[in-house]
Amino acid sequence: MAKKFLDFALVPSFEDFLDYELMVQPQLNQSADYREGFTSFQEKRPARFTGRQRRAAQPTMPRRDTTT
């Protein structure tokens, strides 16, 4: 999901990017890697990421209105 998020950052519309971030951020905050990163930071130790994330429906990227 994070890769899709970074790919979406290349879209010309900053507003679309911010809208997508609002949809994705709560899901990313629930991943095992997020908890590991947060905990390791508090414990002042290197993080041990596993690449695991909680399975949830991935939001679809908003479409830009090209009719105007």
Protein backbone atom coordinates (compact mmCIF):
# COMPACT_ATOMS: atom_id res chain seq x y z
CA MET A 1 0.00 0.00 0.00
CA ALA A 2 2.83 2.39 0.77
CA LYS A 3 4.23 1.86 -2.74
CA LYS A 4 0.89 2.82 -4.28
CA PHE A 5 0.86 5.87 -2.04
CA LEU A 6 4.30 6.96 -3.27
CA ASP A 7 3.37 6.30 -6.90
CA PHE A 8 0.29 8.47 -6.44
CA ALA A 9 2.54 11.33 -5.25
CA LEU A 10 3.64 11.75 -8.87
CA VAL A 11 0.14 12.87 -9.89
CA PRO A 12 0.17 16.55 -10.80
CA SER A 13 -2.65 17.52 -8.43
CA PHE A 14 -1.45 18.11 -4.87
CA GLU A 15 -5.07 18.24 -3.68
CA ASP A 16 -5.73 14.74 -5.06
CA PHE A 17 -2.62 13.50 -3.28
CA LEU A 18 -3.81 14.97 0.04
CA ASP A 19 -7.26 13.43 -0.40
CA TYR A 20 -5.68 10.02 -0.99
CA GLU A 21 -3.42 10.45 2.04
CA LEU A 22 -6.48 11.08 4.23
CA MET A 23 -7.95 7.76 3.08
CA VAL A 24 -4.77 5.69 3.40
CA GLN A 25 -3.12 6.99 6.57
CA PRO A 26 -5.51 5.34 9.08
CA GLN A 27 -4.89 1.93 7.47
CA LEU A 28 -1.12 2.37 7.45
CA ASN A 29 -1.21 3.26 11.14
CA GLN A 30 -2.67 -0.17 11.91
CA SER A 31 0.10 -2.21 10.28
CA ALA A 32 2.55 -4.35 12.22
CA ASP A 33 5.42 -2.37 10.68
CA TYR A 34 3.95 0.90 11.92
CA ARG A 35 3.75 -0.46 15.47
CA GLU A 36 7.30 -1.80 15.20
CA GLY A 37 8.62 1.54 13.94
CA PHE A 38 6.84 3.47 16.67
CA THR A 39 7.92 1.07 19.42
CA SER A 40 11.54 0.89 18.24
CA PHE A 41 11.70 4.69 18.14
CA GLN A 42 10.44 4.92 21.72
CA GLU A 43 12.87 2.21 22.85
CA LYS A 44 15.73 3.87 20.91
CA ARG A 45 16.62 0.69 19.02
CA PRO A 46 16.78 -0.25 15.33
CA ALA A 47 13.45 -1.31 13.85
CA ARG A 48 12.90 -4.88 12.64
CA PHE A 49 10.33 -4.51 9.87
CA THR A 50 8.58 -7.60 8.51
CA GLY A 51 6.58 -6.11 5.64
CA ARG A 52 3.36 -7.37 7.22
CA GLN A 53 0.26 -5.30 7.29
CA ARG A 54 -3.25 -5.92 8.45
CA ARG A 55 -5.38 -7.10 5.54
CA ALA A 56 -8.06 -4.57 4.76
CA ALA A 57 -9.78 -3.30 1.70
CA GLN A 58 -7.41 -0.97 -0.08
CA PRO A 59 -8.89 2.38 -0.97
CA THR A 60 -9.10 3.28 -4.60
CA MET A 61 -7.27 6.31 -5.83
CA PRO A 62 -9.49 9.29 -6.55
CA ARG A 63 -9.83 10.17 -10.20
CA ARG A 64 -9.06 13.63 -11.46
CA ASP A 65 -11.88 15.42 -13.19
CA THR A 66 -10.57 16.09 -16.69
CA THR A 67 -13.79 17.52 -18.07
CA THR A 68 -13.01 21.12 -17.10
